[in-house]
Amino acid sequence: MPFRNRSALIALVAATLMPVAAFASSDDAWEAMRADVSVKCIEAAAGSIETPTAVVDPFGSESFGLALVSGKPKGADGRISQICVYNKQTKAVELGGELTGEMLAAPAK
């Protein structure tokens, strides 16, 4: 096989396999980001929520990971939720205010 044809064949095989490798690493990267959002948002909410749980938006926005952290408020009855925003670049999190079940169930106006 001439060198030119062999090079073309190698390039074709490499081009065929690259999207598969990129897709797999992207899935791994998304899963790692979701896990980090969950851990950091739960840690941040631990000061105000007993045994918080997080529901993570699978992809978030372009710049931020997003989660809804919920649980029993410390020292009170009921259930609250807080929106957690995770900066994808700095990996810092911020929590929104406490949202009660009534606030979340309120009909749209």
PDB file of N, CA and C in Angstrom:
ATOM      1  N   MET A   1       0.858  -1.171   0.000  1.00  0.00           N
ATOM      2  CA  MET A   1       0.000   0.000   0.000  1.00  0.00           C
ATOM      3  C   MET A   1       0.901   1.230   0.000  1.00  0.00           C
ATOM      4  N   PRO A   2       0.716   2.146  -0.935  1.00  0.00           N
ATOM      5  CA  PRO A   2       1.535   3.345  -0.985  1.00  0.00           C
ATOM      6  C   PRO A   2       1.356   4.174   0.289  1.00  0.00           C
ATOM      7  N   PHE A   3       2.388   4.947   0.610  1.00  0.00           N
ATOM      8  CA  PHE A   3       2.393   5.756   1.825  1.00  0.00           C
ATOM      9  C   PHE A   3       1.201   6.705   1.882  1.00  0.00           C
ATOM     10  N   ARG A   4       0.856   7.302   0.760  1.00  0.00           N
ATOM     11  CA  ARG A   4      -0.246   8.266   0.713  1.00  0.00           C
ATOM     12  C   ARG A   4      -1.568   7.596   1.086  1.00  0.00           C
ATOM     13  N   ASN A   5      -1.826   6.422   0.564  1.00  0.00           N
ATOM     14  CA  ASN A   5      -3.069   5.707   0.869  1.00  0.00           C
ATOM     15  C   ASN A   5      -3.101   5.253   2.326  1.00  0.00           C
ATOM     16  N   ARG A   6      -1.959   4.820   2.841  1.00  0.00           N
ATOM     17  CA  ARG A   6      -1.888   4.385   4.235  1.00  0.00           C
ATOM     18  C   ARG A   6      -2.169   5.560   5.173  1.00  0.00           C
ATOM     19  N   SER A   7      -1.618   6.713   4.869  1.00  0.00           N
ATOM     20  CA  SER A   7      -1.857   7.909   5.686  1.00  0.00           C
ATOM     21  C   SER A   7      -3.329   8.305   5.658  1.00  0.00           C
ATOM     22  N   ALA A   8      -3.933   8.212   4.488  1.00  0.00           N
ATOM     23  CA  ALA A   8      -5.356   8.550   4.369  1.00  0.00           C
ATOM     24  C   ALA A   8      -6.209   7.588   5.174  1.00  0.00           C
ATOM     25  N   LEU A   9      -5.853   6.309   5.130  1.00  0.00           N
ATOM     26  CA  LEU A   9      -6.595   5.306   5.888  1.00  0.00           C
ATOM     27  C   LEU A   9      -6.461   5.551   7.389  1.00  0.00           C
ATOM     28  N   ILE A  10      -5.263   5.843   7.842  1.00  0.00           N
ATOM     29  CA  ILE A  10      -5.038   6.124   9.275  1.00  0.00           C
ATOM     30  C   ILE A  10      -5.840   7.356   9.695  1.00  0.00           C
ATOM     31  N   ALA A  11      -5.817   8.394   8.855  1.00  0.00           N
ATOM     32  CA  ALA A  11      -6.566   9.612   9.175  1.00  0.00           C
ATOM     33  C   ALA A  11      -8.060   9.337   9.241  1.00  0.00           C
ATOM     34  N   LEU A  12      -8.565   8.511   8.330  1.00  0.00           N
ATOM     35  CA  LEU A  12      -9.980   8.172   8.325  1.00  0.00           C
ATOM     36  C   LEU A  12     -10.377   7.405   9.581  1.00  0.00           C
ATOM     37  N   VAL A  13      -9.577   6.434   9.974  1.00  0.00           N
ATOM     38  CA  VAL A  13      -9.857   5.656  11.189  1.00  0.00           C
ATOM     39  C   VAL A  13      -9.817   6.562  12.415  1.00  0.00           C
ATOM     40  N   ALA A  14      -8.809   7.433  12.493  1.00  0.00           N
ATOM     41  CA  ALA A  14      -8.698   8.347  13.638  1.00  0.00           C
ATOM     42  C   ALA A  14      -9.896   9.289  13.701  1.00  0.00           C
ATOM     43  N   ALA A  15     -10.314   9.825  12.567  1.00  0.00           N
ATOM     44  CA  ALA A  15     -11.459  10.736  12.537  1.00  0.00           C
ATOM     45  C   ALA A  15     -12.749  10.029  12.939  1.00  0.00           C
ATOM     46  N   THR A  16     -12.855   8.767  12.611  1.00  0.00           N
ATOM     47  CA  THR A  16     -14.040   7.987  12.971  1.00  0.00           C
ATOM     48  C   THR A  16     -14.101   7.728  14.468  1.00  0.00           C
ATOM     49  N   LEU A  17     -12.967   7.502  15.090  1.00  0.00           N
ATOM     50  CA  LEU A  17     -12.930   7.174  16.506  1.00  0.00           C
ATOM     51  C   LEU A  17     -12.959   8.392  17.418  1.00  0.00           C
ATOM     52  N   MET A  18     -12.530   9.550  16.956  1.00  0.00           N
ATOM     53  CA  MET A  18     -12.458  10.734  17.806  1.00  0.00           C
ATOM     54  C   MET A  18     -13.797  11.142  18.396  1.00  0.00           C
ATOM     55  N   PRO A  19     -14.889  11.198  17.623  1.00  0.00           N
ATOM     56  CA  PRO A  19     -16.159  11.593  18.242  1.00  0.00           C
ATOM     57  C   PRO A  19     -16.596  10.650  19.359  1.00  0.00           C
ATOM     58  N   VAL A  20     -16.303   9.373  19.251  1.00  0.00           N
ATOM     59  CA  VAL A  20     -16.663   8.416  20.296  1.00  0.00           C
ATOM     60  C   VAL A  20     -15.901   8.734  21.570  1.00  0.00           C
ATOM     61  N   ALA A  21     -14.612   8.996  21.464  1.00  0.00           N
ATOM     62  CA  ALA A  21     -13.801   9.317  22.638  1.00  0.00           C
ATOM     63  C   ALA A  21     -14.251  10.638  23.256  1.00  0.00           C
ATOM     64  N   ALA A  22     -14.533  11.625  22.415  1.00  0.00           N
ATOM     65  CA  ALA A  22     -14.972  12.925  22.932  1.00  0.00           C
ATOM     66  C   ALA A  22     -16.317  12.808  23.623  1.00  0.00           C
ATOM     67  N   PHE A  23     -17.242  12.012  23.067  1.00  0.00           N
ATOM     68  CA  PHE A  23     -18.561  11.832  23.662  1.00  0.00           C
ATOM     69  C   PHE A  23     -18.443  11.171  25.021  1.00  0.00           C
ATOM     70  N   ALA A  24     -17.592  10.164  25.134  1.00  0.00           N
ATOM     71  CA  ALA A  24     -17.426   9.460  26.398  1.00  0.00           C
ATOM     72  C   ALA A  24     -16.848  10.391  27.456  1.00  0.00           C
ATOM     73  N   SER A  25     -15.835  11.168  27.102  1.00  0.00           N
ATOM     74  CA  SER A  25     -15.247  12.056  28.096  1.00  0.00           C
ATOM     75  C   SER A  25     -16.228  13.159  28.476  1.00  0.00           C
ATOM     76  N   SER A  26     -17.072  13.598  27.533  1.00  0.00           N
ATOM     77  CA  SER A  26     -18.073  14.604  27.863  1.00  0.00           C
ATOM     78  C   SER A  26     -19.078  14.056  28.865  1.00  0.00           C
ATOM     79  N   ASP A  27     -19.527  12.825  28.671  1.00  0.00           N
ATOM     80  CA  ASP A  27     -20.435  12.205  29.635  1.00  0.00           C
ATOM     81  C   ASP A  27     -19.787  12.145  31.016  1.00  0.00           C
ATOM     82  N   ASP A  28     -18.526  11.747  31.063  1.00  0.00           N
ATOM     83  CA  ASP A  28     -17.806  11.681  32.340  1.00  0.00           C
ATOM     84  C   ASP A  28     -17.678  13.071  32.966  1.00  0.00           C
ATOM     85  N   ALA A  29     -17.388  14.067  32.145  1.00  0.00           N
ATOM     86  CA  ALA A  29     -17.238  15.440  32.649  1.00  0.00           C
ATOM     87  C   ALA A  29     -18.563  15.968  33.196  1.00  0.00           C
ATOM     88  N   TRP A  30     -19.666  15.701  32.484  1.00  0.00           N
ATOM     89  CA  TRP A  30     -20.977  16.142  32.975  1.00  0.00           C
ATOM     90  C   TRP A  30     -21.321  15.460  34.298  1.00  0.00           C
ATOM     91  N   GLU A  31     -21.056  14.174  34.383  1.00  0.00           N
ATOM     92  CA  GLU A  31     -21.353  13.433  35.616  1.00  0.00           C
ATOM     93  C   GLU A  31     -20.519  13.969  36.775  1.00  0.00           C
ATOM     94  N   ALA A  32     -19.256  14.270  36.527  1.00  0.00           N
ATOM     95  CA  ALA A  32     -18.393  14.828  37.573  1.00  0.00           C
ATOM     96  C   ALA A  32     -18.890  16.201  38.016  1.00  0.00           C
ATOM     97  N   MET A  33     -19.331  17.018  37.059  1.00  0.00           N
ATOM     98  CA  MET A  33     -19.856  18.335  37.400  1.00  0.00           C
ATOM     99  C   MET A  33     -21.124  18.201  38.239  1.00  0.00           C
ATOM    100  N   ARG A  34     -22.031  17.315  37.830  1.00  0.00           N
ATOM    101  CA  ARG A  34     -23.270  17.116  38.608  1.00  0.00           C
ATOM    102  C   ARG A  34     -22.968  16.642  40.022  1.00  0.00           C
ATOM    103  N   ALA A  35     -22.015  15.750  40.180  1.00  0.00           N
ATOM    104  CA  ALA A  35     -21.648  15.253  41.508  1.00  0.00           C
ATOM    105  C   ALA A  35     -21.077  16.381  42.356  1.00  0.00           C
ATOM    106  N   ASP A  36     -20.237  17.226  41.757  1.00  0.00           N
ATOM    107  CA  ASP A  36     -19.647  18.339  42.498  1.00  0.00           C
ATOM    108  C   ASP A  36     -20.708  19.350  42.908  1.00  0.00           C
ATOM    109  N   VAL A  37     -21.651  19.640  41.997  1.00  0.00           N
ATOM    110  CA  VAL A  37     -22.754  20.550  42.324  1.00  0.00           C
ATOM    111  C   VAL A  37     -23.535  19.993  43.515  1.00  0.00           C
ATOM    112  N   SER A  38     -23.868  18.725  43.485  1.00  0.00           N
ATOM    113  CA  SER A  38     -24.641  18.106  44.557  1.00  0.00           C
ATOM    114  C   SER A  38     -23.915  18.210  45.897  1.00  0.00           C
ATOM    115  N   VAL A  39     -22.660  17.805  45.912  1.00  0.00           N
ATOM    116  CA  VAL A  39     -21.883  17.820  47.164  1.00  0.00           C
ATOM    117  C   VAL A  39     -21.763  19.235  47.710  1.00  0.00           C
ATOM    118  N   LYS A  40     -21.382  20.180  46.873  1.00  0.00           N
ATOM    119  CA  LYS A  40     -21.157  21.550  47.354  1.00  0.00           C
ATOM    120  C   LYS A  40     -22.448  22.245  47.760  1.00  0.00           C
ATOM    121  N   CYS A  41     -23.540  21.972  47.047  1.00  0.00           N
ATOM    122  CA  CYS A  41     -24.814  22.586  47.415  1.00  0.00           C
ATOM    123  C   CYS A  41     -25.342  22.009  48.724  1.00  0.00           C
ATOM    124  N   ILE A  42     -25.194  20.709  48.922  1.00  0.00           N
ATOM    125  CA  ILE A  42     -25.618  20.080  50.176  1.00  0.00           C
ATOM    126  C   ILE A  42     -24.782  20.622  51.338  1.00  0.00           C
ATOM    127  N   GLU A  43     -23.482  20.759  51.138  1.00  0.00           N
ATOM    128  CA  GLU A  43     -22.615  21.323  52.186  1.00  0.00           C
ATOM    129  C   GLU A  43     -23.041  22.748  52.529  1.00  0.00           C
ATOM    130  N   ALA A  44     -23.342  23.549  51.513  1.00  0.00           N
ATOM    131  CA  ALA A  44     -23.728  24.944  51.748  1.00  0.00           C
ATOM    132  C   ALA A  44     -25.053  25.044  52.498  1.00  0.00           C
ATOM    133  N   ALA A  45     -25.983  24.137  52.214  1.00  0.00           N
ATOM    134  CA  ALA A  45     -27.311  24.181  52.839  1.00  0.00           C
ATOM    135  C   ALA A  45     -27.330  23.548  54.224  1.00  0.00           C
ATOM    136  N   ALA A  46     -26.282  22.848  54.598  1.00  0.00           N
ATOM    137  CA  ALA A  46     -26.267  22.145  55.886  1.00  0.00           C
ATOM    138  C   ALA A  46     -26.414  23.088  57.075  1.00  0.00           C
ATOM    139  N   GLY A  47     -26.112  24.350  56.895  1.00  0.00           N
ATOM    140  CA  GLY A  47     -26.276  25.305  57.990  1.00  0.00           C
ATOM    141  C   GLY A  47     -27.725  25.647  58.276  1.00  0.00           C
ATOM    142  N   SER A  48     -28.591  25.479  57.297  1.00  0.00           N
ATOM    143  CA  SER A  48     -29.996  25.857  57.491  1.00  0.00           C
ATOM    144  C   SER A  48     -30.981  24.703  57.312  1.00  0.00           C
ATOM    145  N   ILE A  49     -30.525  23.585  56.743  1.00  0.00           N
ATOM    146  CA  ILE A  49     -31.421  22.456  56.479  1.00  0.00           C
ATOM    147  C   ILE A  49     -30.840  21.189  57.106  1.00  0.00           C
ATOM    148  N   GLU A  50     -31.697  20.479  57.897  1.00  0.00           N
ATOM    149  CA  GLU A  50     -31.280  19.190  58.452  1.00  0.00           C
ATOM    150  C   GLU A  50     -31.278  18.156  57.330  1.00  0.00           C
ATOM    151  N   THR A  51     -30.225  17.426  57.177  1.00  0.00           N
ATOM    152  CA  THR A  51     -30.097  16.365  56.171  1.00  0.00           C
ATOM    153  C   THR A  51     -30.613  16.821  54.798  1.00  0.00           C
ATOM    154  N   PRO A  52     -29.987  17.838  54.207  1.00  0.00           N
ATOM    155  CA  PRO A  52     -30.453  18.328  52.910  1.00  0.00           C
ATOM    156  C   PRO A  52     -30.240  17.309  51.794  1.00  0.00           C
ATOM    157  N   THR A  53     -31.126  17.370  50.800  1.00  0.00           N
ATOM    158  CA  THR A  53     -30.977  16.573  49.584  1.00  0.00           C
ATOM    159  C   THR A  53     -30.999  17.542  48.401  1.00  0.00           C
ATOM    160  N   ALA A  54     -30.330  17.172  47.321  1.00  0.00           N
ATOM    161  CA  ALA A  54     -30.254  18.064  46.163  1.00  0.00           C
ATOM    162  C   ALA A  54     -30.772  17.368  44.907  1.00  0.00           C
ATOM    163  N   VAL A  55     -31.511  18.118  44.120  1.00  0.00           N
ATOM    164  CA  VAL A  55     -31.907  17.693  42.783  1.00  0.00           C
ATOM    165  C   VAL A  55     -31.148  18.618  41.836  1.00  0.00           C
ATOM    166  N   VAL A  56     -30.237  18.034  41.059  1.00  0.00           N
ATOM    167  CA  VAL A  56     -29.352  18.821  40.205  1.00  0.00           C
ATOM    168  C   VAL A  56     -29.896  18.877  38.781  1.00  0.00           C
ATOM    169  N   ASP A  57     -29.947  20.083  38.224  1.00  0.00           N
ATOM    170  CA  ASP A  57     -30.272  20.257  36.806  1.00  0.00           C
ATOM    171  C   ASP A  57     -29.179  19.526  36.021  1.00  0.00           C
ATOM    172  N   PRO A  58     -29.535  18.656  35.088  1.00  0.00           N
ATOM    173  CA  PRO A  58     -28.524  17.832  34.420  1.00  0.00           C
ATOM    174  C   PRO A  58     -27.382  18.596  33.751  1.00  0.00           C
ATOM    175  N   PHE A  59     -27.646  19.804  33.235  1.00  0.00           N
ATOM    176  CA  PHE A  59     -26.601  20.543  32.537  1.00  0.00           C
ATOM    177  C   PHE A  59     -26.438  21.967  33.038  1.00  0.00           C
ATOM    178  N   GLY A  60     -27.432  22.504  33.737  1.00  0.00           N
ATOM    179  CA  GLY A  60     -27.357  23.874  34.211  1.00  0.00           C
ATOM    180  C   GLY A  60     -27.431  24.859  33.063  1.00  0.00           C
ATOM    181  N   SER A  61     -26.898  26.039  33.295  1.00  0.00           N
ATOM    182  CA  SER A  61     -26.837  27.039  32.228  1.00  0.00           C
ATOM    183  C   SER A  61     -25.427  27.036  31.663  1.00  0.00           C
ATOM    184  N   GLU A  62     -25.144  27.946  30.768  1.00  0.00           N
ATOM    185  CA  GLU A  62     -23.813  27.990  30.160  1.00  0.00           C
ATOM    186  C   GLU A  62     -22.728  28.225  31.211  1.00  0.00           C
ATOM    187  N   SER A  63     -23.005  29.073  32.195  1.00  0.00           N
ATOM    188  CA  SER A  63     -21.993  29.435  33.192  1.00  0.00           C
ATOM    189  C   SER A  63     -22.188  28.807  34.561  1.00  0.00           C
ATOM    190  N   PHE A  64     -23.381  28.300  34.828  1.00  0.00           N
ATOM    191  CA  PHE A  64     -23.691  27.856  36.184  1.00  0.00           C
ATOM    192  C   PHE A  64     -24.324  26.472  36.238  1.00  0.00           C
ATOM    193  N   GLY A  65     -23.962  25.709  37.272  1.00  0.00           N
ATOM    194  CA  GLY A  65     -24.672  24.508  37.635  1.00  0.00           C
ATOM    195  C   GLY A  65     -25.807  24.930  38.554  1.00  0.00           C
ATOM    196  N   LEU A  66     -26.929  24.250  38.503  1.00  0.00           N
ATOM    197  CA  LEU A  66     -28.103  24.634  39.280  1.00  0.00           C
ATOM    198  C   LEU A  66     -28.664  23.428  40.015  1.00  0.00           C
ATOM    199  N   ALA A  67     -29.119  23.670  41.236  1.00  0.00           N
ATOM    200  CA  ALA A  67     -29.731  22.592  42.008  1.00  0.00           C
ATOM    201  C   ALA A  67     -30.801  23.172  42.919  1.00  0.00           C
ATOM    202  N   LEU A  68     -31.750  22.327  43.271  1.00  0.00           N
ATOM    203  CA  LEU A  68     -32.754  22.666  44.264  1.00  0.00           C
ATOM    204  C   LEU A  68     -32.465  21.794  45.477  1.00  0.00           C
ATOM    205  N   VAL A  69     -32.132  22.448  46.598  1.00  0.00           N
ATOM    206  CA  VAL A  69     -31.781  21.731  47.825  1.00  0.00           C
ATOM    207  C   VAL A  69     -32.969  21.831  48.768  1.00  0.00           C
ATOM    208  N   SER A  70     -33.388  20.694  49.325  1.00  0.00           N
ATOM    209  CA  SER A  70     -34.598  20.666  50.148  1.00  0.00           C
ATOM    210  C   SER A  70     -34.380  19.853  51.416  1.00  0.00           C
ATOM    211  N   GLY A  71     -35.257  20.103  52.398  1.00  0.00           N
ATOM    212  CA  GLY A  71     -35.239  19.347  53.630  1.00  0.00           C
ATOM    213  C   GLY A  71     -35.943  20.092  54.747  1.00  0.00           C
ATOM    214  N   LYS A  72     -35.847  19.547  55.946  1.00  0.00           N
ATOM    215  CA  LYS A  72     -36.467  20.141  57.129  1.00  0.00           C
ATOM    216  C   LYS A  72     -35.585  21.281  57.620  1.00  0.00           C
ATOM    217  N   PRO A  73     -36.198  22.460  57.859  1.00  0.00           N
ATOM    218  CA  PRO A  73     -35.389  23.565  58.358  1.00  0.00           C
ATOM    219  C   PRO A  73     -34.876  23.280  59.769  1.00  0.00           C
ATOM    220  N   LYS A  74     -33.652  23.661  60.055  1.00  0.00           N
ATOM    221  CA  LYS A  74     -33.094  23.446  61.395  1.00  0.00           C
ATOM    222  C   LYS A  74     -33.900  24.237  62.417  1.00  0.00           C
ATOM    223  N   GLY A  75     -34.307  23.557  63.477  1.00  0.00           N
ATOM    224  CA  GLY A  75     -35.020  24.198  64.568  1.00  0.00           C
ATOM    225  C   GLY A  75     -36.468  24.534  64.272  1.00  0.00           C
ATOM    226  N   ALA A  76     -37.022  24.014  63.208  1.00  0.00           N
ATOM    227  CA  ALA A  76     -38.419  24.321  62.866  1.00  0.00           C
ATOM    228  C   ALA A  76     -39.059  23.099  62.210  1.00  0.00           C
ATOM    229  N   ASP A  77     -40.366  23.157  62.087  1.00  0.00           N
ATOM    230  CA  ASP A  77     -41.096  22.095  61.401  1.00  0.00           C
ATOM    231  C   ASP A  77     -41.310  22.490  59.950  1.00  0.00           C
ATOM    232  N   GLY A  78     -41.762  21.540  59.168  1.00  0.00           N
ATOM    233  CA  GLY A  78     -42.065  21.814  57.774  1.00  0.00           C
ATOM    234  C   GLY A  78     -40.947  21.379  56.846  1.00  0.00           C
ATOM    235  N   ARG A  79     -40.972  21.969  55.683  1.00  0.00           N
ATOM    236  CA  ARG A  79     -39.981  21.637  54.664  1.00  0.00           C
ATOM    237  C   ARG A  79     -39.678  22.906  53.877  1.00  0.00           C
ATOM    238  N   ILE A  80     -38.407  23.118  53.585  1.00  0.00           N
ATOM    239  CA  ILE A  80     -38.007  24.269  52.783  1.00  0.00           C
ATOM    240  C   ILE A  80     -37.113  23.803  51.637  1.00  0.00           C
ATOM    241  N   SER A  81     -36.986  24.677  50.666  1.00  0.00           N
ATOM    242  CA  SER A  81     -36.072  24.445  49.545  1.00  0.00           C
ATOM    243  C   SER A  81     -35.275  25.719  49.321  1.00  0.00           C
ATOM    244  N   GLN A  82     -34.097  25.553  48.775  1.00  0.00           N
ATOM    245  CA  GLN A  82     -33.270  26.689  48.404  1.00  0.00           C
ATOM    246  C   GLN A  82     -32.670  26.413  47.029  1.00  0.00           C
ATOM    247  N   ILE A  83     -32.629  27.454  46.203  1.00  0.00           N
ATOM    248  CA  ILE A  83     -31.977  27.329  44.907  1.00  0.00           C
ATOM    249  C   ILE A  83     -30.483  27.503  45.137  1.00  0.00           C
ATOM    250  N   CYS A  84     -29.700  26.597  44.576  1.00  0.00           N
ATOM    251  CA  CYS A  84     -28.252  26.645  44.700  1.00  0.00           C
ATOM    252  C   CYS A  84     -27.659  26.912  43.318  1.00  0.00           C
ATOM    253  N   VAL A  85     -26.767  27.886  43.256  1.00  0.00           N
ATOM    254  CA  VAL A  85     -26.100  28.256  42.007  1.00  0.00           C
ATOM    255  C   VAL A  85     -24.610  27.962  42.167  1.00  0.00           C
ATOM    256  N   TYR A  86     -24.059  27.195  41.229  1.00  0.00           N
ATOM    257  CA  TYR A  86     -22.669  26.739  41.246  1.00  0.00           C
ATOM    258  C   TYR A  86     -21.950  27.355  40.059  1.00  0.00           C
ATOM    259  N   ASN A  87     -20.925  28.157  40.323  1.00  0.00           N
ATOM    260  CA  ASN A  87     -20.151  28.775  39.258  1.00  0.00           C
ATOM    261  C   ASN A  87     -19.248  27.718  38.633  1.00  0.00           C
ATOM    262  N   LYS A  88     -19.431  27.416  37.351  1.00  0.00           N
ATOM    263  CA  LYS A  88     -18.667  26.356  36.695  1.00  0.00           C
ATOM    264  C   LYS A  88     -17.173  26.665  36.614  1.00  0.00           C
ATOM    265  N   GLN A  89     -16.799  27.949  36.601  1.00  0.00           N
ATOM    266  CA  GLN A  89     -15.381  28.291  36.526  1.00  0.00           C
ATOM    267  C   GLN A  89     -14.711  28.272  37.892  1.00  0.00           C
ATOM    268  N   THR A  90     -15.308  28.935  38.879  1.00  0.00           N
ATOM    269  CA  THR A  90     -14.680  29.038  40.199  1.00  0.00           C
ATOM    270  C   THR A  90     -15.067  27.901  41.132  1.00  0.00           C
ATOM    271  N   LYS A  91     -16.149  27.200  40.795  1.00  0.00           N
ATOM    272  CA  LYS A  91     -16.702  26.112  41.608  1.00  0.00           C
ATOM    273  C   LYS A  91     -17.252  26.596  42.964  1.00  0.00           C
ATOM    274  N   ALA A  92     -17.506  27.893  43.061  1.00  0.00           N
ATOM    275  CA  ALA A  92     -18.118  28.462  44.264  1.00  0.00           C
ATOM    276  C   ALA A  92     -19.631  28.313  44.164  1.00  0.00           C
ATOM    277  N   VAL A  93     -20.300  28.179  45.317  1.00  0.00           N
ATOM    278  CA  VAL A  93     -21.756  28.070  45.331  1.00  0.00           C
ATOM    279  C   VAL A  93     -22.364  29.209  46.129  1.00  0.00           C
ATOM    280  N   GLU A  94     -23.597  29.544  45.764  1.00  0.00           N
ATOM    281  CA  GLU A  94     -24.396  30.513  46.510  1.00  0.00           C
ATOM    282  C   GLU A  94     -25.801  29.953  46.616  1.00  0.00           C
ATOM    283  N   LEU A  95     -26.434  30.240  47.754  1.00  0.00           N
ATOM    284  CA  LEU A  95     -27.805  29.785  47.995  1.00  0.00           C
ATOM    285  C   LEU A  95     -28.765  30.953  47.938  1.00  0.00           C
ATOM    286  N   GLY A  96     -29.952  30.702  47.389  1.00  0.00           N
ATOM    287  CA  GLY A  96     -31.023  31.682  47.433  1.00  0.00           C
ATOM    288  C   GLY A  96     -31.728  31.590  48.774  1.00  0.00           C
ATOM    289  N   GLY A  97     -32.763  32.374  48.944  1.00  0.00           N
ATOM    290  CA  GLY A  97     -33.520  32.376  50.186  1.00  0.00           C
ATOM    291  C   GLY A  97     -34.329  31.104  50.365  1.00  0.00           C
ATOM    292  N   GLU A  98     -34.916  30.964  51.546  1.00  0.00           N
ATOM    293  CA  GLU A  98     -35.715  29.778  51.865  1.00  0.00           C
ATOM    294  C   GLU A  98     -37.078  29.880  51.192  1.00  0.00           C
ATOM    295  N   LEU A  99     -37.437  28.825  50.476  1.00  0.00           N
ATOM    296  CA  LEU A  99     -38.734  28.742  49.802  1.00  0.00           C
ATOM    297  C   LEU A  99     -39.550  27.675  50.521  1.00  0.00           C
ATOM    298  N   THR A 100     -40.730  28.048  50.976  1.00  0.00           N
ATOM    299  CA  THR A 100     -41.592  27.081  51.662  1.00  0.00           C
ATOM    300  C   THR A 100     -42.377  26.269  50.654  1.00  0.00           C
ATOM    301  N   GLY A 101     -42.993  25.195  51.136  1.00  0.00           N
ATOM    302  CA  GLY A 101     -43.840  24.377  50.283  1.00  0.00           C
ATOM    303  C   GLY A 101     -44.992  25.178  49.704  1.00  0.00           C
ATOM    304  N   GLU A 102     -45.545  26.104  50.505  1.00  0.00           N
ATOM    305  CA  GLU A 102     -46.631  26.949  50.028  1.00  0.00           C
ATOM    306  C   GLU A 102     -46.182  27.830  48.868  1.00  0.00           C
ATOM    307  N   MET A 103     -44.966  28.350  48.962  1.00  0.00           N
ATOM    308  CA  MET A 103     -44.435  29.204  47.897  1.00  0.00           C
ATOM    309  C   MET A 103     -44.250  28.399  46.611  1.00  0.00           C
ATOM    310  N   LEU A 104     -43.778  27.173  46.746  1.00  0.00           N
ATOM    311  CA  LEU A 104     -43.535  26.346  45.567  1.00  0.00           C
ATOM    312  C   LEU A 104     -44.827  25.840  44.943  1.00  0.00           C
ATOM    313  N   ALA A 105     -45.882  25.699  45.753  1.00  0.00           N
ATOM    314  CA  ALA A 105     -47.168  25.195  45.256  1.00  0.00           C
ATOM    315  C   ALA A 105     -48.107  26.306  44.828  1.00  0.00           C
ATOM    316  N   ALA A 106     -47.693  27.563  44.987  1.00  0.00           N
ATOM    317  CA  ALA A 106     -48.571  28.681  44.670  1.00  0.00           C
ATOM    318  C   ALA A 106     -48.910  28.687  43.184  1.00  0.00           C
ATOM    319  N   PRO A 107     -50.187  28.951  42.855  1.00  0.00           N
ATOM    320  CA  PRO A 107     -50.577  29.002  41.439  1.00  0.00           C
ATOM    321  C   PRO A 107     -49.906  30.194  40.744  1.00  0.00           C
ATOM    322  N   ALA A 108     -49.617  30.021  39.478  1.00  0.00           N
ATOM    323  CA  ALA A 108     -49.013  31.101  38.683  1.00  0.00           C
ATOM    324  C   ALA A 108     -50.004  32.232  38.518  1.00  0.00           C
ATOM    325  N   LYS A 109     -49.525  33.427  38.558  1.00  0.00           N
ATOM    326  CA  LYS A 109     -50.401  34.598  38.408  1.00  0.00           C
ATOM    327  C   LYS A 109     -50.299  35.149  37.019  1.00  0.00           C
TER     328      LYS A 109
END
